[in-house]
């Protein structure tokens, strides 16, 4: 009896050879240390556009409008905060120790009862 063949649409005809984890680790180490025999891309700093400083970039009209709107918001928030006056809290006078009554639950012949001390 022959082994069953599975056909998956879009899959390559031949499965890729499995790579051992030791080979992957060696390749990663060589790539990190720069001893990679096959570098991914040439590392030429002269062609790297982000490595050099260019002329300053002028902000766009949208950025200027957003900045102006934000500054107006900050001014509005500052003015709003000044207009609102804090409300004074009313403070209840604290009872002296003599006036404080302590209630204790006591078991009596009638059941549980509260007694003031």
PDB file of N, CA and C in Angstrom:
ATOM      1  N   UNK A   1       0.841  -1.167   0.000  1.00  0.00           N
ATOM      2  CA  UNK A   1       0.000   0.000   0.000  1.00  0.00           C
ATOM      3  C   UNK A   1       0.895   1.242   0.000  1.00  0.00           C
ATOM      4  N   UNK A   2       0.596   2.190  -0.848  1.00  0.00           N
ATOM      5  CA  UNK A   2       1.419   3.399  -1.005  1.00  0.00           C
ATOM      6  C   UNK A   2       0.993   4.441   0.021  1.00  0.00           C
ATOM      7  N   UNK A   3       1.945   5.310   0.387  1.00  0.00           N
ATOM      8  CA  UNK A   3       1.641   6.392   1.337  1.00  0.00           C
ATOM      9  C   UNK A   3       0.745   7.420   0.668  1.00  0.00           C
ATOM     10  N   UNK A   4      -0.091   7.989   1.434  1.00  0.00           N
ATOM     11  CA  UNK A   4      -1.042   8.961   0.914  1.00  0.00           C
ATOM     12  C   UNK A   4      -0.309  10.270   0.618  1.00  0.00           C
ATOM     13  N   UNK A   5      -0.583  10.897  -0.528  1.00  0.00           N
ATOM     14  CA  UNK A   5       0.039  12.151  -0.916  1.00  0.00           C
ATOM     15  C   UNK A   5      -0.972  13.270  -0.683  1.00  0.00           C
ATOM     16  N   UNK A   6      -0.509  14.310   0.024  1.00  0.00           N
ATOM     17  CA  UNK A   6      -1.381  15.440   0.326  1.00  0.00           C
ATOM     18  C   UNK A   6      -1.029  16.574  -0.626  1.00  0.00           C
ATOM     19  N   UNK A   7      -2.026  17.096  -1.325  1.00  0.00           N
ATOM     20  CA  UNK A   7      -1.827  18.222  -2.239  1.00  0.00           C
ATOM     21  C   UNK A   7      -2.431  19.478  -1.620  1.00  0.00           C
ATOM     22  N   UNK A   8      -1.561  20.442  -1.296  1.00  0.00           N
ATOM     23  CA  UNK A   8      -2.019  21.717  -0.754  1.00  0.00           C
ATOM     24  C   UNK A   8      -1.874  22.767  -1.843  1.00  0.00           C
ATOM     25  N   UNK A   9      -2.961  23.475  -2.196  1.00  0.00           N
ATOM     26  CA  UNK A   9      -2.863  24.477  -3.260  1.00  0.00           C
ATOM     27  C   UNK A   9      -1.879  25.582  -2.874  1.00  0.00           C
ATOM     28  N   UNK A  10      -1.002  25.950  -3.806  1.00  0.00           N
ATOM     29  CA  UNK A  10      -0.064  27.030  -3.580  1.00  0.00           C
ATOM     30  C   UNK A  10       1.188  26.612  -2.851  1.00  0.00           C
ATOM     31  N   UNK A  11       1.266  25.382  -2.372  1.00  0.00           N
ATOM     32  CA  UNK A  11       2.445  24.918  -1.654  1.00  0.00           C
ATOM     33  C   UNK A  11       3.495  24.478  -2.654  1.00  0.00           C
ATOM     34  N   UNK A  12       4.782  24.673  -2.309  1.00  0.00           N
ATOM     35  CA  UNK A  12       5.822  24.214  -3.236  1.00  0.00           C
ATOM     36  C   UNK A  12       5.810  22.689  -3.339  1.00  0.00           C
ATOM     37  N   UNK A  13       6.297  22.203  -4.471  1.00  0.00           N
ATOM     38  CA  UNK A  13       6.293  20.754  -4.700  1.00  0.00           C
ATOM     39  C   UNK A  13       7.203  20.034  -3.712  1.00  0.00           C
ATOM     40  N   UNK A  14       8.372  20.636  -3.419  1.00  0.00           N
ATOM     41  CA  UNK A  14       9.336  19.985  -2.563  1.00  0.00           C
ATOM     42  C   UNK A  14       9.429  20.779  -1.260  1.00  0.00           C
ATOM     43  N   UNK A  15       9.390  20.088  -0.165  1.00  0.00           N
ATOM     44  CA  UNK A  15       9.490  20.753   1.134  1.00  0.00           C
ATOM     45  C   UNK A  15      10.926  21.209   1.343  1.00  0.00           C
ATOM     46  N   UNK A  16      11.132  22.388   1.978  1.00  0.00           N
ATOM     47  CA  UNK A  16      12.492  22.851   2.220  1.00  0.00           C
ATOM     48  C   UNK A  16      13.196  21.949   3.234  1.00  0.00           C
ATOM     49  N   UNK A  17      14.508  21.882   3.112  1.00  0.00           N
ATOM     50  CA  UNK A  17      15.289  21.058   4.019  1.00  0.00           C
ATOM     51  C   UNK A  17      15.255  21.688   5.410  1.00  0.00           C
ATOM     52  N   UNK A  18      15.050  20.896   6.451  1.00  0.00           N
ATOM     53  CA  UNK A  18      15.036  21.469   7.801  1.00  0.00           C
ATOM     54  C   UNK A  18      16.434  21.920   8.209  1.00  0.00           C
ATOM     55  N   UNK A  19      16.504  23.084   8.896  1.00  0.00           N
ATOM     56  CA  UNK A  19      17.768  23.639   9.359  1.00  0.00           C
ATOM     57  C   UNK A  19      17.829  23.422  10.859  1.00  0.00           C
ATOM     58  N   UNK A  20      18.957  22.926  11.327  1.00  0.00           N
ATOM     59  CA  UNK A  20      19.071  22.657  12.758  1.00  0.00           C
ATOM     60  C   UNK A  20      19.204  23.970  13.518  1.00  0.00           C
ATOM     61  N   UNK A  21      18.845  23.932  14.777  1.00  0.00           N
ATOM     62  CA  UNK A  21      18.927  25.138  15.599  1.00  0.00           C
ATOM     63  C   UNK A  21      20.367  25.552  15.823  1.00  0.00           C
ATOM     64  N   UNK A  22      21.295  24.602  15.812  1.00  0.00           N
ATOM     65  CA  UNK A  22      22.712  24.950  15.968  1.00  0.00           C
ATOM     66  C   UNK A  22      23.192  25.757  14.768  1.00  0.00           C
ATOM     67  N   UNK A  23      22.760  25.368  13.566  1.00  0.00           N
ATOM     68  CA  UNK A  23      23.135  26.119  12.367  1.00  0.00           C
ATOM     69  C   UNK A  23      22.518  27.509  12.391  1.00  0.00           C
ATOM     70  N   UNK A  24      21.279  27.613  12.851  1.00  0.00           N
ATOM     71  CA  UNK A  24      20.628  28.924  12.939  1.00  0.00           C
ATOM     72  C   UNK A  24      21.350  29.805  13.944  1.00  0.00           C
ATOM     73  N   UNK A  25      21.757  29.230  15.076  1.00  0.00           N
ATOM     74  CA  UNK A  25      22.441  30.005  16.101  1.00  0.00           C
ATOM     75  C   UNK A  25      23.793  30.479  15.595  1.00  0.00           C
ATOM     76  N   UNK A  26      24.533  29.613  14.886  1.00  0.00           N
ATOM     77  CA  UNK A  26      25.824  30.003  14.331  1.00  0.00           C
ATOM     78  C   UNK A  26      25.657  31.127  13.313  1.00  0.00           C
ATOM     79  N   UNK A  27      24.661  31.006  12.450  1.00  0.00           N
ATOM     80  CA  UNK A  27      24.431  32.033  11.432  1.00  0.00           C
ATOM     81  C   UNK A  27      24.055  33.363  12.075  1.00  0.00           C
ATOM     82  N   UNK A  28      23.229  33.332  13.127  1.00  0.00           N
ATOM     83  CA  UNK A  28      22.829  34.561  13.812  1.00  0.00           C
ATOM     84  C   UNK A  28      24.021  35.212  14.494  1.00  0.00           C
ATOM     85  N   UNK A  29      24.887  34.409  15.112  1.00  0.00           N
ATOM     86  CA  UNK A  29      26.075  34.942  15.787  1.00  0.00           C
ATOM     87  C   UNK A  29      27.028  35.576  14.779  1.00  0.00           C
ATOM     88  N   UNK A  30      27.231  34.914  13.648  1.00  0.00           N
ATOM     89  CA  UNK A  30      28.106  35.469  12.615  1.00  0.00           C
ATOM     90  C   UNK A  30      27.538  36.767  12.061  1.00  0.00           C
ATOM     91  N   UNK A  31      26.235  36.826  11.919  1.00  0.00           N
ATOM     92  CA  UNK A  31      25.605  38.050  11.410  1.00  0.00           C
ATOM     93  C   UNK A  31      25.768  39.198  12.405  1.00  0.00           C
ATOM     94  N   UNK A  32      25.608  38.919  13.696  1.00  0.00           N
ATOM     95  CA  UNK A  32      25.706  39.957  14.730  1.00  0.00           C
ATOM     96  C   UNK A  32      27.140  40.454  14.852  1.00  0.00           C
ATOM     97  N   UNK A  33      28.097  39.551  14.836  1.00  0.00           N
ATOM     98  CA  UNK A  33      29.493  39.946  15.015  1.00  0.00           C
ATOM     99  C   UNK A  33      30.099  40.560  13.760  1.00  0.00           C
ATOM    100  N   UNK A  34      29.424  40.456  12.636  1.00  0.00           N
ATOM    101  CA  UNK A  34      29.934  41.046  11.408  1.00  0.00           C
ATOM    102  C   UNK A  34      30.793  40.092  10.607  1.00  0.00           C
ATOM    103  N   UNK A  35      30.921  38.875  11.017  1.00  0.00           N
ATOM    104  CA  UNK A  35      31.699  37.880  10.291  1.00  0.00           C
ATOM    105  C   UNK A  35      30.826  37.105   9.322  1.00  0.00           C
ATOM    106  N   UNK A  36      29.706  37.684   8.966  1.00  0.00           N
ATOM    107  CA  UNK A  36      28.744  37.011   8.105  1.00  0.00           C
ATOM    108  C   UNK A  36      29.332  36.868   6.704  1.00  0.00           C
ATOM    109  N   UNK A  37      29.503  35.642   6.193  1.00  0.00           N
ATOM    110  CA  UNK A  37      30.061  35.477   4.854  1.00  0.00           C
ATOM    111  C   UNK A  37      29.113  35.995   3.775  1.00  0.00           C
ATOM    112  N   UNK A  38      27.816  36.011   4.042  1.00  0.00           N
ATOM    113  CA  UNK A  38      26.833  36.497   3.080  1.00  0.00           C
ATOM    114  C   UNK A  38      25.995  37.587   3.742  1.00  0.00           C
ATOM    115  N   UNK A  39      26.449  38.844   3.759  1.00  0.00           N
ATOM    116  CA  UNK A  39      25.657  39.895   4.406  1.00  0.00           C
ATOM    117  C   UNK A  39      24.354  40.128   3.652  1.00  0.00           C
ATOM    118  N   UNK A  40      23.356  40.588   4.390  1.00  0.00           N
ATOM    119  CA  UNK A  40      22.040  40.796   3.786  1.00  0.00           C
ATOM    120  C   UNK A  40      22.064  41.950   2.795  1.00  0.00           C
ATOM    121  N   UNK A  41      22.689  43.064   3.183  1.00  0.00           N
ATOM    122  CA  UNK A  41      22.737  44.235   2.316  1.00  0.00           C
ATOM    123  C   UNK A  41      24.056  44.944   2.574  1.00  0.00           C
ATOM    124  N   UNK A  42      24.613  45.601   1.573  1.00  0.00           N
ATOM    125  CA  UNK A  42      25.860  46.327   1.810  1.00  0.00           C
ATOM    126  C   UNK A  42      25.619  47.487   2.770  1.00  0.00           C
ATOM    127  N   UNK A  43      26.542  47.674   3.688  1.00  0.00           N
ATOM    128  CA  UNK A  43      26.421  48.716   4.704  1.00  0.00           C
ATOM    129  C   UNK A  43      27.303  49.897   4.299  1.00  0.00           C
ATOM    130  N   UNK A  44      26.877  50.656   3.338  1.00  0.00           N
ATOM    131  CA  UNK A  44      27.632  51.806   2.866  1.00  0.00           C
ATOM    132  C   UNK A  44      27.037  53.057   3.490  1.00  0.00           C
ATOM    133  N   UNK A  45      27.806  53.721   4.333  1.00  0.00           N
ATOM    134  CA  UNK A  45      27.299  54.899   5.037  1.00  0.00           C
ATOM    135  C   UNK A  45      27.128  56.093   4.097  1.00  0.00           C
ATOM    136  N   UNK A  46      27.858  56.120   2.995  1.00  0.00           N
ATOM    137  CA  UNK A  46      27.764  57.274   2.103  1.00  0.00           C
ATOM    138  C   UNK A  46      26.413  57.328   1.402  1.00  0.00           C
ATOM    139  N   UNK A  47      25.739  56.184   1.233  1.00  0.00           N
ATOM    140  CA  UNK A  47      24.443  56.178   0.562  1.00  0.00           C
ATOM    141  C   UNK A  47      23.284  56.276   1.532  1.00  0.00           C
ATOM    142  N   UNK A  48      23.575  56.272   2.829  1.00  0.00           N
ATOM    143  CA  UNK A  48      22.517  56.341   3.827  1.00  0.00           C
ATOM    144  C   UNK A  48      22.036  57.781   3.938  1.00  0.00           C
ATOM    145  N   UNK A  49      20.812  58.050   3.525  1.00  0.00           N
ATOM    146  CA  UNK A  49      20.294  59.414   3.495  1.00  0.00           C
ATOM    147  C   UNK A  49      20.012  59.974   4.886  1.00  0.00           C
ATOM    148  N   UNK A  50      19.757  59.117   5.857  1.00  0.00           N
ATOM    149  CA  UNK A  50      19.409  59.593   7.189  1.00  0.00           C
ATOM    150  C   UNK A  50      20.630  59.892   8.039  1.00  0.00           C
ATOM    151  N   UNK A  51      21.845  59.580   7.551  1.00  0.00           N
ATOM    152  CA  UNK A  51      23.026  59.769   8.378  1.00  0.00           C
ATOM    153  C   UNK A  51      23.547  61.199   8.345  1.00  0.00           C
ATOM    154  N   UNK A  52      23.171  61.979   7.362  1.00  0.00           N
ATOM    155  CA  UNK A  52      23.698  63.336   7.282  1.00  0.00           C
ATOM    156  C   UNK A  52      22.617  64.342   7.652  1.00  0.00           C
ATOM    157  N   UNK A  53      23.077  65.494   8.129  1.00  0.00           N
ATOM    158  CA  UNK A  53      22.145  66.567   8.470  1.00  0.00           C
ATOM    159  C   UNK A  53      21.832  67.362   7.214  1.00  0.00           C
ATOM    160  N   UNK A  54      20.585  67.668   7.046  1.00  0.00           N
ATOM    161  CA  UNK A  54      20.184  68.439   5.888  1.00  0.00           C
ATOM    162  C   UNK A  54      19.682  69.802   6.317  1.00  0.00           C
ATOM    163  N   UNK A  55      19.030  70.466   5.415  1.00  0.00           N
ATOM    164  CA  UNK A  55      18.457  71.768   5.717  1.00  0.00           C
ATOM    165  C   UNK A  55      17.289  71.583   6.670  1.00  0.00           C
ATOM    166  N   UNK A  56      17.045  72.552   7.565  1.00  0.00           N
ATOM    167  CA  UNK A  56      15.917  72.412   8.483  1.00  0.00           C
ATOM    168  C   UNK A  56      14.601  72.343   7.714  1.00  0.00           C
ATOM    169  N   UNK A  57      13.714  71.535   8.213  1.00  0.00           N
ATOM    170  CA  UNK A  57      12.422  71.335   7.566  1.00  0.00           C
ATOM    171  C   UNK A  57      11.445  72.381   8.084  1.00  0.00           C
ATOM    172  N   UNK A  58      10.833  73.089   7.174  1.00  0.00           N
ATOM    173  CA  UNK A  58       9.837  74.100   7.544  1.00  0.00           C
ATOM    174  C   UNK A  58       8.522  73.405   7.866  1.00  0.00           C
ATOM    175  N   UNK A  59       7.832  73.847   8.929  1.00  0.00           N
ATOM    176  CA  UNK A  59       6.539  73.229   9.246  1.00  0.00           C
ATOM    177  C   UNK A  59       5.499  73.566   8.182  1.00  0.00           C
ATOM    178  N   UNK A  60       4.602  72.621   7.976  1.00  0.00           N
ATOM    179  CA  UNK A  60       3.554  72.823   6.975  1.00  0.00           C
ATOM    180  C   UNK A  60       2.468  73.717   7.541  1.00  0.00           C
ATOM    181  N   UNK A  61       1.544  74.127   6.693  1.00  0.00           N
ATOM    182  CA  UNK A  61       0.442  74.987   7.113  1.00  0.00           C
ATOM    183  C   UNK A  61      -0.450  74.265   8.123  1.00  0.00           C
ATOM    184  N   UNK A  62      -0.635  72.954   7.927  1.00  0.00           N
ATOM    185  CA  UNK A  62      -1.454  72.182   8.870  1.00  0.00           C
ATOM    186  C   UNK A  62      -0.808  72.142  10.247  1.00  0.00           C
ATOM    187  N   UNK A  63       0.524  71.942  10.277  1.00  0.00           N
ATOM    188  CA  UNK A  63       1.224  71.903  11.559  1.00  0.00           C
ATOM    189  C   UNK A  63       1.158  73.251  12.263  1.00  0.00           C
ATOM    190  N   UNK A  64       1.303  74.349  11.503  1.00  0.00           N
ATOM    191  CA  UNK A  64       1.211  75.687  12.095  1.00  0.00           C
ATOM    192  C   UNK A  64      -0.189  75.944  12.647  1.00  0.00           C
ATOM    193  N   UNK A  65      -1.218  75.519  11.899  1.00  0.00           N
ATOM    194  CA  UNK A  65      -2.594  75.707  12.359  1.00  0.00           C
ATOM    195  C   UNK A  65      -2.854  74.882  13.616  1.00  0.00           C
ATOM    196  N   UNK A  66      -2.337  73.659  13.664  1.00  0.00           N
ATOM    197  CA  UNK A  66      -2.532  72.807  14.838  1.00  0.00           C
ATOM    198  C   UNK A  66      -1.820  73.404  16.049  1.00  0.00           C
ATOM    199  N   UNK A  67      -0.631  73.950  15.847  1.00  0.00           N
ATOM    200  CA  UNK A  67       0.108  74.563  16.948  1.00  0.00           C
ATOM    201  C   UNK A  67      -0.625  75.794  17.468  1.00  0.00           C
ATOM    202  N   UNK A  68      -1.154  76.599  16.563  1.00  0.00           N
ATOM    203  CA  UNK A  68      -1.893  77.796  16.973  1.00  0.00           C
ATOM    204  C   UNK A  68      -3.148  77.410  17.749  1.00  0.00           C
ATOM    205  N   UNK A  69      -3.852  76.386  17.262  1.00  0.00           N
ATOM    206  CA  UNK A  69      -5.064  75.924  17.950  1.00  0.00           C
ATOM    207  C   UNK A  69      -4.732  75.414  19.348  1.00  0.00           C
ATOM    208  N   UNK A  70      -3.620  74.703  19.484  1.00  0.00           N
ATOM    209  CA  UNK A  70      -3.216  74.179  20.786  1.00  0.00           C
ATOM    210  C   UNK A  70      -2.861  75.314  21.743  1.00  0.00           C
ATOM    211  N   UNK A  71      -2.155  76.337  21.231  1.00  0.00           N
ATOM    212  CA  UNK A  71      -1.814  77.481  22.079  1.00  0.00           C
ATOM    213  C   UNK A  71      -3.071  78.221  22.532  1.00  0.00           C
ATOM    214  N   UNK A  72      -4.063  78.335  21.647  1.00  0.00           N
ATOM    215  CA  UNK A  72      -5.340  78.958  22.029  1.00  0.00           C
ATOM    216  C   UNK A  72      -6.036  78.133  23.104  1.00  0.00           C
ATOM    217  N   UNK A  73      -5.987  76.828  22.973  1.00  0.00           N
ATOM    218  CA  UNK A  73      -6.589  75.954  23.981  1.00  0.00           C
ATOM    219  C   UNK A  73      -5.915  76.139  25.333  1.00  0.00           C
ATOM    220  N   UNK A  74      -4.565  76.193  25.339  1.00  0.00           N
ATOM    221  CA  UNK A  74      -3.853  76.401  26.599  1.00  0.00           C
ATOM    222  C   UNK A  74      -4.212  77.728  27.234  1.00  0.00           C
ATOM    223  N   UNK A  75      -4.352  78.775  26.415  1.00  0.00           N
ATOM    224  CA  UNK A  75      -4.747  80.090  26.931  1.00  0.00           C
ATOM    225  C   UNK A  75      -6.160  80.037  27.498  1.00  0.00           C
ATOM    226  N   UNK A  76      -7.076  79.363  26.805  1.00  0.00           N
ATOM    227  CA  UNK A  76      -8.460  79.242  27.282  1.00  0.00           C
ATOM    228  C   UNK A  76      -8.488  78.501  28.608  1.00  0.00           C
ATOM    229  N   UNK A  77      -7.697  77.408  28.702  1.00  0.00           N
ATOM    230  CA  UNK A  77      -7.675  76.631  29.932  1.00  0.00           C
ATOM    231  C   UNK A  77      -7.115  77.452  31.090  1.00  0.00           C
ATOM    232  N   UNK A  78      -6.107  78.256  30.817  1.00  0.00           N
ATOM    233  CA  UNK A  78      -5.520  79.094  31.854  1.00  0.00           C
ATOM    234  C   UNK A  78      -6.529  80.139  32.327  1.00  0.00           C
ATOM    235  N   UNK A  79      -7.224  80.780  31.382  1.00  0.00           N
ATOM    236  CA  UNK A  79      -8.224  81.792  31.743  1.00  0.00           C
ATOM    237  C   UNK A  79      -9.405  81.161  32.478  1.00  0.00           C
ATOM    238  N   UNK A  80      -9.806  79.984  32.063  1.00  0.00           N
ATOM    239  CA  UNK A  80     -10.919  79.295  32.718  1.00  0.00           C
ATOM    240  C   UNK A  80     -10.555  78.962  34.156  1.00  0.00           C
ATOM    241  N   UNK A  81      -9.321  78.523  34.382  1.00  0.00           N
ATOM    242  CA  UNK A  81      -8.877  78.175  35.725  1.00  0.00           C
ATOM    243  C   UNK A  81      -8.841  79.382  36.648  1.00  0.00           C
ATOM    244  N   UNK A  82      -8.521  80.568  36.102  1.00  0.00           N
ATOM    245  CA  UNK A  82      -8.492  81.775  36.923  1.00  0.00           C
ATOM    246  C   UNK A  82      -9.904  82.245  37.263  1.00  0.00           C
ATOM    247  N   UNK A  83     -10.863  82.000  36.370  1.00  0.00           N
ATOM    248  CA  UNK A  83     -12.222  82.473  36.589  1.00  0.00           C
ATOM    249  C   UNK A  83     -12.933  81.677  37.677  1.00  0.00           C
ATOM    250  N   UNK A  84     -12.590  80.431  37.822  1.00  0.00           N
ATOM    251  CA  UNK A  84     -13.253  79.584  38.811  1.00  0.00           C
ATOM    252  C   UNK A  84     -12.586  79.799  40.170  1.00  0.00           C
ATOM    253  N   UNK A  85     -13.381  80.166  41.151  1.00  0.00           N
ATOM    254  CA  UNK A  85     -12.865  80.381  42.499  1.00  0.00           C
ATOM    255  C   UNK A  85     -13.079  79.099  43.304  1.00  0.00           C
ATOM    256  N   UNK A  86     -12.118  78.700  44.089  1.00  0.00           N
ATOM    257  CA  UNK A  86     -12.304  77.490  44.884  1.00  0.00           C
ATOM    258  C   UNK A  86     -13.353  77.701  45.963  1.00  0.00           C
ATOM    259  N   UNK A  87     -14.120  76.677  46.225  1.00  0.00           N
ATOM    260  CA  UNK A  87     -15.178  76.731  47.228  1.00  0.00           C
ATOM    261  C   UNK A  87     -14.563  76.362  48.573  1.00  0.00           C
ATOM    262  N   UNK A  88     -14.865  77.188  49.595  1.00  0.00           N
ATOM    263  CA  UNK A  88     -14.352  76.892  50.929  1.00  0.00           C
ATOM    264  C   UNK A  88     -15.174  75.767  51.538  1.00  0.00           C
ATOM    265  N   UNK A  89     -14.479  74.813  52.087  1.00  0.00           N
ATOM    266  CA  UNK A  89     -15.147  73.679  52.713  1.00  0.00           C
ATOM    267  C   UNK A  89     -15.554  74.066  54.132  1.00  0.00           C
ATOM    268  N   UNK A  90     -16.759  73.669  54.514  1.00  0.00           N
ATOM    269  CA  UNK A  90     -17.198  73.917  55.884  1.00  0.00           C
ATOM    270  C   UNK A  90     -16.667  72.804  56.763  1.00  0.00           C
ATOM    271  N   UNK A  91     -16.064  73.169  57.866  1.00  0.00           N
ATOM    272  CA  UNK A  91     -15.442  72.200  58.751  1.00  0.00           C
ATOM    273  C   UNK A  91     -16.320  72.017  59.979  1.00  0.00           C
ATOM    274  N   UNK A  92     -16.673  70.782  60.258  1.00  0.00           N
ATOM    275  CA  UNK A  92     -17.453  70.476  61.447  1.00  0.00           C
ATOM    276  C   UNK A  92     -16.512  70.506  62.657  1.00  0.00           C
ATOM    277  N   UNK A  93     -16.925  71.114  63.748  1.00  0.00           N
ATOM    278  CA  UNK A  93     -16.055  71.096  64.925  1.00  0.00           C
ATOM    279  C   UNK A  93     -15.935  69.668  65.465  1.00  0.00           C
ATOM    280  N   UNK A  94     -14.751  69.314  65.873  1.00  0.00           N
ATOM    281  CA  UNK A  94     -14.496  67.968  66.378  1.00  0.00           C
ATOM    282  C   UNK A  94     -14.940  67.913  67.841  1.00  0.00           C
ATOM    283  N   UNK A  95     -15.635  66.834  68.164  1.00  0.00           N
ATOM    284  CA  UNK A  95     -16.102  66.668  69.541  1.00  0.00           C
ATOM    285  C   UNK A  95     -14.917  66.389  70.450  1.00  0.00           C
ATOM    286  N   UNK A  96     -14.989  66.904  71.644  1.00  0.00           N
ATOM    287  CA  UNK A  96     -13.917  66.642  72.605  1.00  0.00           C
ATOM    288  C   UNK A  96     -14.028  65.206  73.105  1.00  0.00           C
ATOM    289  N   UNK A  97     -12.998  64.724  73.733  1.00  0.00           N
ATOM    290  CA  UNK A  97     -12.979  63.351  74.228  1.00  0.00           C
ATOM    291  C   UNK A  97     -14.098  63.094  75.239  1.00  0.00           C
ATOM    292  N   UNK A  98     -14.471  64.121  76.012  1.00  0.00           N
ATOM    293  CA  UNK A  98     -15.520  63.932  77.012  1.00  0.00           C
ATOM    294  C   UNK A  98     -16.874  63.716  76.348  1.00  0.00           C
ATOM    295  N   UNK A  99     -17.085  64.334  75.190  1.00  0.00           N
ATOM    296  CA  UNK A  99     -18.384  64.221  74.522  1.00  0.00           C
ATOM    297  C   UNK A  99     -18.507  62.941  73.695  1.00  0.00           C
ATOM    298  N   UNK A 100     -17.392  62.322  73.348  1.00  0.00           N
ATOM    299  CA  UNK A 100     -17.446  61.123  72.532  1.00  0.00           C
ATOM    300  C   UNK A 100     -17.957  59.974  73.380  1.00  0.00           C
ATOM    301  N   UNK A 101     -19.015  59.335  72.880  1.00  0.00           N
ATOM    302  CA  UNK A 101     -19.590  58.203  73.601  1.00  0.00           C
ATOM    303  C   UNK A 101     -19.219  56.939  72.852  1.00  0.00           C
ATOM    304  N   UNK A 102     -18.839  55.956  73.599  1.00  0.00           N
ATOM    305  CA  UNK A 102     -18.440  54.696  73.018  1.00  0.00           C
ATOM    306  C   UNK A 102     -19.542  53.687  73.248  1.00  0.00           C
ATOM    307  N   UNK A 103     -19.921  52.998  72.176  1.00  0.00           N
ATOM    308  CA  UNK A 103     -20.991  52.000  72.284  1.00  0.00           C
ATOM    309  C   UNK A 103     -20.358  50.623  72.202  1.00  0.00           C
ATOM    310  N   UNK A 104     -20.770  49.758  73.137  1.00  0.00           N
ATOM    311  CA  UNK A 104     -20.226  48.418  73.175  1.00  0.00           C
ATOM    312  C   UNK A 104     -21.382  47.442  73.185  1.00  0.00           C
ATOM    313  N   UNK A 105     -21.262  46.364  72.419  1.00  0.00           N
ATOM    314  CA  UNK A 105     -22.283  45.319  72.414  1.00  0.00           C
ATOM    315  C   UNK A 105     -22.017  44.357  73.567  1.00  0.00           C
ATOM    316  N   UNK A 106     -23.103  44.083  74.316  1.00  0.00           N
ATOM    317  CA  UNK A 106     -22.993  43.235  75.503  1.00  0.00           C
ATOM    318  C   UNK A 106     -24.069  42.158  75.432  1.00  0.00           C
ATOM    319  N   UNK A 107     -23.721  40.943  75.839  1.00  0.00           N
ATOM    320  CA  UNK A 107     -24.690  39.856  75.886  1.00  0.00           C
ATOM    321  C   UNK A 107     -25.363  39.867  77.256  1.00  0.00           C
ATOM    322  N   UNK A 108     -26.668  40.067  77.262  1.00  0.00           N
ATOM    323  CA  UNK A 108     -27.433  40.088  78.518  1.00  0.00           C
ATOM    324  C   UNK A 108     -28.369  38.892  78.528  1.00  0.00           C
ATOM    325  N   UNK A 109     -29.216  38.784  79.605  1.00  0.00           N
ATOM    326  CA  UNK A 109     -30.165  37.673  79.675  1.00  0.00           C
ATOM    327  C   UNK A 109     -31.273  37.826  78.628  1.00  0.00           C
ATOM    328  N   UNK A 110     -31.447  39.036  78.062  1.00  0.00           N
ATOM    329  CA  UNK A 110     -32.444  39.252  77.008  1.00  0.00           C
ATOM    330  C   UNK A 110     -31.848  39.042  75.615  1.00  0.00           C
ATOM    331  N   UNK A 111     -30.529  38.917  75.539  1.00  0.00           N
ATOM    332  CA  UNK A 111     -29.847  38.785  74.236  1.00  0.00           C
ATOM    333  C   UNK A 111     -28.790  39.877  74.102  1.00  0.00           C
ATOM    334  N   UNK A 112     -28.388  40.148  72.917  1.00  0.00           N
ATOM    335  CA  UNK A 112     -27.372  41.163  72.677  1.00  0.00           C
ATOM    336  C   UNK A 112     -27.985  42.543  72.865  1.00  0.00           C
ATOM    337  N   UNK A 113     -27.236  43.448  73.534  1.00  0.00           N
ATOM    338  CA  UNK A 113     -27.711  44.806  73.790  1.00  0.00           C
ATOM    339  C   UNK A 113     -26.530  45.759  73.630  1.00  0.00           C
ATOM    340  N   UNK A 114     -26.825  47.006  73.323  1.00  0.00           N
ATOM    341  CA  UNK A 114     -25.782  48.037  73.201  1.00  0.00           C
ATOM    342  C   UNK A 114     -25.744  48.859  74.467  1.00  0.00           C
ATOM    343  N   UNK A 115     -24.551  49.086  74.963  1.00  0.00           N
ATOM    344  CA  UNK A 115     -24.385  49.852  76.190  1.00  0.00           C
ATOM    345  C   UNK A 115     -23.419  50.993  75.885  1.00  0.00           C
ATOM    346  N   UNK A 116     -23.771  52.208  76.306  1.00  0.00           N
ATOM    347  CA  UNK A 116     -22.880  53.339  76.147  1.00  0.00           C
ATOM    348  C   UNK A 116     -21.918  53.388  77.307  1.00  0.00           C
ATOM    349  N   UNK A 117     -20.687  53.697  77.026  1.00  0.00           N
ATOM    350  CA  UNK A 117     -19.691  53.809  78.102  1.00  0.00           C
ATOM    351  C   UNK A 117     -19.411  55.255  78.393  1.00  0.00           C
TER     352      UNK A 117
END
